[in-house]
PDB file of all heavy atoms in Angstrom:
ATOM      1  N   VAL A   1      24.598 -40.889 -18.549  1.00  0.00           N
ATOM      2  CA  VAL A   1      24.091 -39.875 -17.577  1.00  0.00           C
ATOM      3  C   VAL A   1      24.277 -38.462 -17.976  1.00  0.00           C
ATOM      4  O   VAL A   1      25.209 -38.214 -18.739  1.00  0.00           O
ATOM      5  CB  VAL A   1      24.636 -40.147 -16.140  1.00  0.00           C
ATOM      6  CG1 VAL A   1      24.209 -41.550 -15.610  1.00  0.00           C
ATOM      7  CG2 VAL A   1      26.049 -39.983 -16.083  1.00  0.00           C
ATOM      8  N   PRO A   2      23.465 -37.511 -17.481  1.00  0.00           N
ATOM      9  CA  PRO A   2      23.762 -36.082 -17.769  1.00  0.00           C
ATOM     10  C   PRO A   2      24.908 -35.544 -16.949  1.00  0.00           C
ATOM     11  O   PRO A   2      25.448 -36.289 -16.132  1.00  0.00           O
ATOM     12  CB  PRO A   2      22.455 -35.417 -17.374  1.00  0.00           C
ATOM     13  CG  PRO A   2      21.860 -36.308 -16.325  1.00  0.00           C
ATOM     14  CD  PRO A   2      22.269 -37.737 -16.741  1.00  0.00           C
ATOM     15  N   GLU A   3      25.329 -34.353 -17.205  1.00  0.00           N
ATOM     16  CA  GLU A   3      26.382 -33.689 -16.479  1.00  0.00           C
ATOM     17  C   GLU A   3      25.998 -33.661 -15.020  1.00  0.00           C
ATOM     18  O   GLU A   3      24.839 -33.413 -14.658  1.00  0.00           O
ATOM     19  CB  GLU A   3      26.625 -32.286 -16.997  1.00  0.00           C
ATOM     20  CG  GLU A   3      27.310 -32.198 -18.341  1.00  0.00           C
ATOM     21  CD  GLU A   3      28.759 -32.677 -18.234  1.00  0.00           C
ATOM     22  OE1 GLU A   3      29.466 -32.316 -17.309  1.00  0.00           O
ATOM     23  OE2 GLU A   3      29.118 -33.449 -19.169  1.00  0.00           O
ATOM     24  N   PHE A   4      26.995 -33.795 -14.157  1.00  0.00           N
ATOM     25  CA  PHE A   4      26.735 -33.817 -12.690  1.00  0.00           C
ATOM     26  C   PHE A   4      27.947 -33.271 -11.973  1.00  0.00           C
ATOM     27  O   PHE A   4      29.112 -33.215 -12.551  1.00  0.00           O
ATOM     28  CB  PHE A   4      26.359 -35.259 -12.202  1.00  0.00           C
ATOM     29  CG  PHE A   4      27.519 -36.249 -12.368  1.00  0.00           C
ATOM     30  CD1 PHE A   4      28.369 -36.485 -11.332  1.00  0.00           C
ATOM     31  CD2 PHE A   4      27.525 -37.002 -13.554  1.00  0.00           C
ATOM     32  CE1 PHE A   4      29.409 -37.401 -11.501  1.00  0.00           C
ATOM     33  CE2 PHE A   4      28.566 -37.892 -13.715  1.00  0.00           C
ATOM     34  CZ  PHE A   4      29.482 -38.083 -12.730  1.00  0.00           C
ATOM     35  N   ASP A   5      27.811 -32.825 -10.744  1.00  0.00           N
ATOM     36  CA  ASP A   5      28.867 -32.321  -9.906  1.00  0.00           C
ATOM     37  C   ASP A   5      29.245 -33.343  -8.788  1.00  0.00           C
ATOM     38  O   ASP A   5      30.423 -33.407  -8.442  1.00  0.00           O
ATOM     39  CB  ASP A   5      28.411 -31.010  -9.238  1.00  0.00           C
ATOM     40  CG  ASP A   5      28.032 -29.968 -10.224  1.00  0.00           C
ATOM     41  OD1 ASP A   5      28.844 -29.683 -11.129  1.00  0.00           O
ATOM     42  OD2 ASP A   5      26.936 -29.404 -10.129  1.00  0.00           O
ATOM     43  N   TYR A   6      28.265 -34.096  -8.332  1.00  0.00           N
ATOM     44  CA  TYR A   6      28.478 -35.043  -7.189  1.00  0.00           C
ATOM     45  C   TYR A   6      27.697 -36.301  -7.498  1.00  0.00           C
ATOM     46  O   TYR A   6      26.684 -36.256  -8.075  1.00  0.00           O
ATOM     47  CB  TYR A   6      28.060 -34.526  -5.846  1.00  0.00           C
ATOM     48  CG  TYR A   6      28.939 -33.414  -5.377  1.00  0.00           C
ATOM     49  CD1 TYR A   6      28.610 -32.004  -5.581  1.00  0.00           C
ATOM     50  CD2 TYR A   6      30.025 -33.699  -4.601  1.00  0.00           C
ATOM     51  CE1 TYR A   6      29.440 -30.999  -5.111  1.00  0.00           C
ATOM     52  CE2 TYR A   6      30.875 -32.635  -4.130  1.00  0.00           C
ATOM     53  CZ  TYR A   6      30.544 -31.308  -4.413  1.00  0.00           C
ATOM     54  OH  TYR A   6      31.364 -30.298  -3.916  1.00  0.00           O
ATOM     55  N   ILE A   7      28.206 -37.424  -6.966  1.00  0.00           N
ATOM     56  CA  ILE A   7      27.568 -38.719  -6.922  1.00  0.00           C
ATOM     57  C   ILE A   7      27.142 -38.976  -5.450  1.00  0.00           C
ATOM     58  O   ILE A   7      27.962 -38.780  -4.566  1.00  0.00           O
ATOM     59  CB  ILE A   7      28.495 -39.817  -7.423  1.00  0.00           C
ATOM     60  CG1 ILE A   7      28.806 -39.646  -8.856  1.00  0.00           C
ATOM     61  CG2 ILE A   7      27.785 -41.193  -7.161  1.00  0.00           C
ATOM     62  CD1 ILE A   7      29.962 -40.521  -9.376  1.00  0.00           C
ATOM     63  N   VAL A   8      25.874 -39.479  -5.271  1.00  0.00           N
ATOM     64  CA  VAL A   8      25.467 -39.870  -3.983  1.00  0.00           C
ATOM     65  C   VAL A   8      24.960 -41.313  -4.100  1.00  0.00           C
ATOM     66  O   VAL A   8      24.211 -41.650  -5.099  1.00  0.00           O
ATOM     67  CB  VAL A   8      24.407 -39.034  -3.372  1.00  0.00           C
ATOM     68  CG1 VAL A   8      23.845 -39.576  -2.005  1.00  0.00           C
ATOM     69  CG2 VAL A   8      24.968 -37.597  -3.163  1.00  0.00           C
ATOM     70  N   THR A   9      25.384 -42.159  -3.236  1.00  0.00           N
ATOM     71  CA  THR A   9      24.994 -43.576  -3.229  1.00  0.00           C
ATOM     72  C   THR A   9      24.630 -44.026  -1.780  1.00  0.00           C
ATOM     73  O   THR A   9      25.202 -43.467  -0.867  1.00  0.00           O
ATOM     74  CB  THR A   9      26.138 -44.496  -3.825  1.00  0.00           C
ATOM     75  OG1 THR A   9      25.596 -45.792  -4.095  1.00  0.00           O
ATOM     76  CG2 THR A   9      27.295 -44.584  -2.917  1.00  0.00           C
ATOM     77  N   PRO A  10      23.675 -44.993  -1.664  1.00  0.00           N
ATOM     78  CA  PRO A  10      23.445 -45.493  -0.319  1.00  0.00           C
ATOM     79  C   PRO A  10      24.599 -46.428   0.114  1.00  0.00           C
ATOM     80  O   PRO A  10      25.314 -46.919  -0.692  1.00  0.00           O
ATOM     81  CB  PRO A  10      22.118 -46.288  -0.509  1.00  0.00           C
ATOM     82  CG  PRO A  10      22.115 -46.677  -1.941  1.00  0.00           C
ATOM     83  CD  PRO A  10      22.835 -45.583  -2.711  1.00  0.00           C
ATOM     84  N   GLU A  11      24.695 -46.590   1.418  1.00  0.00           N
ATOM     85  CA  GLU A  11      25.734 -47.492   1.925  1.00  0.00           C
ATOM     86  C   GLU A  11      25.222 -48.927   1.684  1.00  0.00           C
ATOM     87  O   GLU A  11      24.482 -49.512   2.498  1.00  0.00           O
ATOM     88  CB  GLU A  11      25.848 -47.256   3.463  1.00  0.00           C
ATOM     89  CG  GLU A  11      27.009 -48.035   4.114  1.00  0.00           C
ATOM     90  CD  GLU A  11      27.211 -47.706   5.542  1.00  0.00           C
ATOM     91  OE1 GLU A  11      26.226 -47.319   6.232  1.00  0.00           O
ATOM     92  OE2 GLU A  11      28.332 -47.788   5.965  1.00  0.00           O
ATOM     93  N   ALA A  12      25.636 -49.430   0.518  1.00  0.00           N
ATOM     94  CA  ALA A  12      25.140 -50.733   0.033  1.00  0.00           C
ATOM     95  C   ALA A  12      26.176 -51.264  -1.045  1.00  0.00           C
ATOM     96  O   ALA A  12      27.202 -50.724  -1.174  1.00  0.00           O
ATOM     97  CB  ALA A  12      23.737 -50.610  -0.501  1.00  0.00           C
ATOM     98  N   LYS A  13      25.667 -52.220  -1.789  1.00  0.00           N
ATOM     99  CA  LYS A  13      26.503 -52.888  -2.811  1.00  0.00           C
ATOM    100  C   LYS A  13      26.927 -51.939  -3.956  1.00  0.00           C
ATOM    101  O   LYS A  13      27.685 -52.263  -4.802  1.00  0.00           O
ATOM    102  CB  LYS A  13      25.814 -54.111  -3.380  1.00  0.00           C
ATOM    103  CG  LYS A  13      25.588 -55.188  -2.379  1.00  0.00           C
ATOM    104  CD  LYS A  13      24.983 -56.479  -2.951  1.00  0.00           C
ATOM    105  CE  LYS A  13      23.750 -56.330  -3.756  1.00  0.00           C
ATOM    106  NZ  LYS A  13      22.505 -56.119  -2.993  1.00  0.00           N
ATOM    107  N   SER A  14      26.347 -50.714  -3.954  1.00  0.00           N
ATOM    108  CA  SER A  14      26.606 -49.809  -5.068  1.00  0.00           C
ATOM    109  C   SER A  14      27.879 -48.986  -4.763  1.00  0.00           C
ATOM    110  O   SER A  14      28.308 -48.188  -5.623  1.00  0.00           O
ATOM    111  CB  SER A  14      25.429 -48.824  -5.231  1.00  0.00           C
ATOM    112  OG  SER A  14      25.136 -48.212  -3.974  1.00  0.00           O
ATOM    113  N   ILE A  15      28.478 -49.088  -3.608  1.00  0.00           N
ATOM    114  CA  ILE A  15      29.689 -48.280  -3.267  1.00  0.00           C
ATOM    115  C   ILE A  15      30.791 -48.482  -4.273  1.00  0.00           C
ATOM    116  O   ILE A  15      31.409 -47.523  -4.728  1.00  0.00           O
ATOM    117  CB  ILE A  15      30.082 -48.466  -1.808  1.00  0.00           C
ATOM    118  CG1 ILE A  15      29.069 -47.918  -0.845  1.00  0.00           C
ATOM    119  CG2 ILE A  15      31.473 -47.846  -1.545  1.00  0.00           C
ATOM    120  CD1 ILE A  15      29.336 -48.169   0.622  1.00  0.00           C
ATOM    121  N   PRO A  16      31.182 -49.738  -4.665  1.00  0.00           N
ATOM    122  CA  PRO A  16      32.263 -49.848  -5.642  1.00  0.00           C
ATOM    123  C   PRO A  16      31.921 -49.199  -6.943  1.00  0.00           C
ATOM    124  O   PRO A  16      32.819 -48.588  -7.575  1.00  0.00           O
ATOM    125  CB  PRO A  16      32.419 -51.392  -5.806  1.00  0.00           C
ATOM    126  CG  PRO A  16      31.796 -51.959  -4.596  1.00  0.00           C
ATOM    127  CD  PRO A  16      30.707 -50.994  -4.131  1.00  0.00           C
ATOM    128  N   LEU A  17      30.661 -49.212  -7.438  1.00  0.00           N
ATOM    129  CA  LEU A  17      30.214 -48.615  -8.625  1.00  0.00           C
ATOM    130  C   LEU A  17      30.394 -47.051  -8.536  1.00  0.00           C
ATOM    131  O   LEU A  17      30.907 -46.436  -9.410  1.00  0.00           O
ATOM    132  CB  LEU A  17      28.778 -49.019  -8.950  1.00  0.00           C
ATOM    133  CG  LEU A  17      28.174 -48.361 -10.191  1.00  0.00           C
ATOM    134  CD1 LEU A  17      28.980 -48.831 -11.443  1.00  0.00           C
ATOM    135  CD2 LEU A  17      26.716 -48.775 -10.280  1.00  0.00           C
ATOM    136  N   ALA A  18      29.900 -46.513  -7.392  1.00  0.00           N
ATOM    137  CA  ALA A  18      30.042 -45.033  -7.192  1.00  0.00           C
ATOM    138  C   ALA A  18      31.527 -44.647  -7.195  1.00  0.00           C
ATOM    139  O   ALA A  18      31.915 -43.582  -7.746  1.00  0.00           O
ATOM    140  CB  ALA A  18      29.358 -44.647  -5.930  1.00  0.00           C
ATOM    141  N   TYR A  19      32.369 -45.447  -6.476  1.00  0.00           N
ATOM    142  CA  TYR A  19      33.759 -45.165  -6.492  1.00  0.00           C
ATOM    143  C   TYR A  19      34.390 -45.129  -7.893  1.00  0.00           C
ATOM    144  O   TYR A  19      35.090 -44.153  -8.318  1.00  0.00           O
ATOM    145  CB  TYR A  19      34.568 -46.184  -5.633  1.00  0.00           C
ATOM    146  CG  TYR A  19      36.032 -46.173  -5.889  1.00  0.00           C
ATOM    147  CD1 TYR A  19      36.784 -45.171  -5.203  1.00  0.00           C
ATOM    148  CD2 TYR A  19      36.661 -46.943  -6.856  1.00  0.00           C
ATOM    149  CE1 TYR A  19      38.137 -45.097  -5.393  1.00  0.00           C
ATOM    150  CE2 TYR A  19      37.972 -46.844  -7.056  1.00  0.00           C
ATOM    151  CZ  TYR A  19      38.731 -45.956  -6.409  1.00  0.00           C
ATOM    152  OH  TYR A  19      40.085 -45.829  -6.629  1.00  0.00           O
ATOM    153  N   GLU A  20      34.083 -46.140  -8.674  1.00  0.00           N
ATOM    154  CA  GLU A  20      34.618 -46.233  -9.989  1.00  0.00           C
ATOM    155  C   GLU A  20      34.063 -45.109 -10.874  1.00  0.00           C
ATOM    156  O   GLU A  20      34.858 -44.550 -11.705  1.00  0.00           O
ATOM    157  CB  GLU A  20      34.304 -47.588 -10.653  1.00  0.00           C
ATOM    158  CG  GLU A  20      34.980 -47.824 -12.001  1.00  0.00           C
ATOM    159  CD  GLU A  20      36.468 -47.711 -12.063  1.00  0.00           C
ATOM    160  OE1 GLU A  20      37.160 -47.790 -10.977  1.00  0.00           O
ATOM    161  OE2 GLU A  20      37.018 -47.563 -13.175  1.00  0.00           O
ATOM    162  N   MET A  21      32.780 -44.784 -10.807  1.00  0.00           N
ATOM    163  CA  MET A  21      32.306 -43.605 -11.579  1.00  0.00           C
ATOM    164  C   MET A  21      32.954 -42.319 -11.086  1.00  0.00           C
ATOM    165  O   MET A  21      33.209 -41.492 -11.956  1.00  0.00           O
ATOM    166  CB  MET A  21      30.776 -43.582 -11.434  1.00  0.00           C
ATOM    167  CG  MET A  21      30.049 -44.727 -12.135  1.00  0.00           C
ATOM    168  SD  MET A  21      28.275 -44.753 -11.858  1.00  0.00           S
ATOM    169  CE  MET A  21      27.778 -43.410 -12.884  1.00  0.00           C
ATOM    170  N   SER A  22      33.213 -42.224  -9.828  1.00  0.00           N
ATOM    171  CA  SER A  22      33.903 -41.069  -9.380  1.00  0.00           C
ATOM    172  C   SER A  22      35.320 -40.987  -9.851  1.00  0.00           C
ATOM    173  O   SER A  22      35.817 -39.916 -10.342  1.00  0.00           O
ATOM    174  CB  SER A  22      33.963 -41.116  -7.845  1.00  0.00           C
ATOM    175  OG  SER A  22      34.753 -40.108  -7.224  1.00  0.00           O
ATOM    176  N   ARG A  23      36.030 -42.124  -9.832  1.00  0.00           N
ATOM    177  CA  ARG A  23      37.404 -42.173 -10.342  1.00  0.00           C
ATOM    178  C   ARG A  23      37.434 -41.759 -11.842  1.00  0.00           C
ATOM    179  O   ARG A  23      38.279 -40.947 -12.288  1.00  0.00           O
ATOM    180  CB  ARG A  23      37.975 -43.541 -10.146  1.00  0.00           C
ATOM    181  CG  ARG A  23      39.421 -43.662 -10.388  1.00  0.00           C
ATOM    182  CD  ARG A  23      39.946 -45.136 -10.357  1.00  0.00           C
ATOM    183  NE  ARG A  23      39.454 -45.933 -11.444  1.00  0.00           N
ATOM    184  CZ  ARG A  23      39.959 -45.886 -12.654  1.00  0.00           C
ATOM    185  NH1 ARG A  23      40.957 -45.047 -12.999  1.00  0.00           N
ATOM    186  NH2 ARG A  23      39.503 -46.627 -13.644  1.00  0.00           N
ATOM    187  N   LEU A  24      36.551 -42.351 -12.614  1.00  0.00           N
ATOM    188  CA  LEU A  24      36.535 -42.073 -14.068  1.00  0.00           C
ATOM    189  C   LEU A  24      36.172 -40.597 -14.395  1.00  0.00           C
ATOM    190  O   LEU A  24      36.604 -40.013 -15.354  1.00  0.00           O
ATOM    191  CB  LEU A  24      35.590 -43.084 -14.770  1.00  0.00           C
ATOM    192  CG  LEU A  24      36.050 -44.500 -14.822  1.00  0.00           C
ATOM    193  CD1 LEU A  24      34.955 -45.412 -15.350  1.00  0.00           C
ATOM    194  CD2 LEU A  24      37.373 -44.668 -15.628  1.00  0.00           C
ATOM    195  N   SER A  25      35.168 -40.084 -13.618  1.00  0.00           N
ATOM    196  CA  SER A  25      34.688 -38.778 -13.933  1.00  0.00           C
ATOM    197  C   SER A  25      35.504 -37.608 -13.220  1.00  0.00           C
ATOM    198  O   SER A  25      35.364 -36.475 -13.596  1.00  0.00           O
ATOM    199  CB  SER A  25      33.199 -38.629 -13.485  1.00  0.00           C
ATOM    200  OG  SER A  25      33.086 -38.713 -12.113  1.00  0.00           O
ATOM    201  N   GLY A  26      36.192 -37.963 -12.196  1.00  0.00           N
ATOM    202  CA  GLY A  26      36.861 -36.944 -11.420  1.00  0.00           C
ATOM    203  C   GLY A  26      35.955 -36.204 -10.434  1.00  0.00           C
ATOM    204  O   GLY A  26      36.330 -35.188  -9.843  1.00  0.00           O
ATOM    205  N   LYS A  27      34.719 -36.712 -10.267  1.00  0.00           N
ATOM    206  CA  LYS A  27      33.740 -36.052  -9.392  1.00  0.00           C
ATOM    207  C   LYS A  27      33.658 -36.906  -8.068  1.00  0.00           C
ATOM    208  O   LYS A  27      33.689 -38.052  -8.094  1.00  0.00           O
ATOM    209  CB  LYS A  27      32.336 -36.009 -10.055  1.00  0.00           C
ATOM    210  CG  LYS A  27      32.314 -35.376 -11.433  1.00  0.00           C
ATOM    211  CD  LYS A  27      32.669 -33.877 -11.373  1.00  0.00           C
ATOM    212  CE  LYS A  27      32.826 -33.293 -12.743  1.00  0.00           C
ATOM    213  NZ  LYS A  27      31.630 -32.743 -13.323  1.00  0.00           N
ATOM    214  N   LYS A  28      33.517 -36.142  -6.992  1.00  0.00           N
ATOM    215  CA  LYS A  28      33.452 -36.651  -5.702  1.00  0.00           C
ATOM    216  C   LYS A  28      32.194 -37.571  -5.494  1.00  0.00           C
ATOM    217  O   LYS A  28      31.046 -37.166  -6.004  1.00  0.00           O
ATOM    218  CB  LYS A  28      33.437 -35.526  -4.564  1.00  0.00           C
ATOM    219  CG  LYS A  28      33.354 -36.076  -3.161  1.00  0.00           C
ATOM    220  CD  LYS A  28      33.342 -34.820  -2.203  1.00  0.00           C
ATOM    221  CE  LYS A  28      33.102 -35.236  -0.772  1.00  0.00           C
ATOM    222  NZ  LYS A  28      34.198 -35.921  -0.096  1.00  0.00           N
ATOM    223  N   TYR A  29      32.320 -38.681  -4.798  1.00  0.00           N
ATOM    224  CA  TYR A  29      31.144 -39.459  -4.370  1.00  0.00           C
ATOM    225  C   TYR A  29      30.951 -39.433  -2.861  1.00  0.00           C
ATOM    226  O   TYR A  29      31.859 -39.246  -2.135  1.00  0.00           O
ATOM    227  CB  TYR A  29      31.167 -40.884  -4.857  1.00  0.00           C
ATOM    228  CG  TYR A  29      32.034 -41.820  -4.134  1.00  0.00           C
ATOM    229  CD1 TYR A  29      31.480 -42.655  -3.132  1.00  0.00           C
ATOM    230  CD2 TYR A  29      33.426 -41.896  -4.340  1.00  0.00           C
ATOM    231  CE1 TYR A  29      32.242 -43.575  -2.463  1.00  0.00           C
ATOM    232  CE2 TYR A  29      34.196 -42.821  -3.591  1.00  0.00           C
ATOM    233  CZ  TYR A  29      33.633 -43.641  -2.692  1.00  0.00           C
ATOM    234  OH  TYR A  29      34.409 -44.536  -2.015  1.00  0.00           O
ATOM    235  N   ILE A  30      29.656 -39.428  -2.496  1.00  0.00           N
ATOM    236  CA  ILE A  30      29.307 -39.314  -1.126  1.00  0.00           C
ATOM    237  C   ILE A  30      28.377 -40.464  -0.740  1.00  0.00           C
ATOM    238  O   ILE A  30      27.482 -40.871  -1.550  1.00  0.00           O
ATOM    239  CB  ILE A  30      28.522 -37.990  -0.829  1.00  0.00           C
ATOM    240  CG1 ILE A  30      29.474 -36.785  -1.056  1.00  0.00           C
ATOM    241  CG2 ILE A  30      27.860 -37.947   0.565  1.00  0.00           C
ATOM    242  CD1 ILE A  30      28.790 -35.422  -1.035  1.00  0.00           C
ATOM    243  N   VAL A  31      28.611 -41.087   0.426  1.00  0.00           N
ATOM    244  CA  VAL A  31      27.760 -42.257   0.797  1.00  0.00           C
ATOM    245  C   VAL A  31      26.759 -41.820   1.845  1.00  0.00           C
ATOM    246  O   VAL A  31      27.162 -41.241   2.867  1.00  0.00           O
ATOM    247  CB  VAL A  31      28.661 -43.365   1.336  1.00  0.00           C
ATOM    248  CG1 VAL A  31      27.862 -44.549   1.877  1.00  0.00           C
ATOM    249  CG2 VAL A  31      29.736 -43.798   0.303  1.00  0.00           C
ATOM    250  N   ALA A  32      25.452 -42.113   1.625  1.00  0.00           N
ATOM    251  CA  ALA A  32      24.447 -41.933   2.623  1.00  0.00           C
ATOM    252  C   ALA A  32      24.537 -43.186   3.501  1.00  0.00           C
ATOM    253  O   ALA A  32      24.357 -44.272   3.048  1.00  0.00           O
ATOM    254  CB  ALA A  32      23.039 -41.807   1.998  1.00  0.00           C
ATOM    255  N   ARG A  33      24.892 -42.937   4.776  1.00  0.00           N
ATOM    256  CA  ARG A  33      25.185 -43.984   5.712  1.00  0.00           C
ATOM    257  C   ARG A  33      23.897 -44.699   6.307  1.00  0.00           C
ATOM    258  O   ARG A  33      22.818 -44.046   6.383  1.00  0.00           O
ATOM    259  CB  ARG A  33      26.081 -43.502   6.844  1.00  0.00           C
ATOM    260  CG  ARG A  33      27.387 -42.852   6.330  1.00  0.00           C
ATOM    261  CD  ARG A  33      28.248 -43.749   5.521  1.00  0.00           C
ATOM    262  NE  ARG A  33      28.694 -44.860   6.327  1.00  0.00           N
ATOM    263  CZ  ARG A  33      29.852 -44.968   7.022  1.00  0.00           C
ATOM    264  NH1 ARG A  33      30.684 -43.981   6.895  1.00  0.00           N
ATOM    265  NH2 ARG A  33      30.152 -46.037   7.679  1.00  0.00           N
ATOM    266  N   LYS A  34      24.079 -45.936   6.772  1.00  0.00           N
ATOM    267  CA  LYS A  34      22.904 -46.612   7.387  1.00  0.00           C
ATOM    268  C   LYS A  34      22.914 -46.359   8.939  1.00  0.00           C
ATOM    269  O   LYS A  34      22.014 -46.823   9.574  1.00  0.00           O
ATOM    270  CB  LYS A  34      23.011 -48.100   7.125  1.00  0.00           C
ATOM    271  CG  LYS A  34      22.760 -48.462   5.687  1.00  0.00           C
ATOM    272  CD  LYS A  34      22.776 -49.943   5.498  1.00  0.00           C
ATOM    273  CE  LYS A  34      22.455 -50.281   4.024  1.00  0.00           C
ATOM    274  NZ  LYS A  34      22.541 -51.737   3.767  1.00  0.00           N
TER     275      LYS A  34
END
């Protein structure tokens, strides 16, 4: 992926992935809620 400041993911099965990408990159993740 290109450089980014924030991760956004839907409230779904992608949350663990967004968390791990956030942890590895040091960038905040935000969940769009249902």
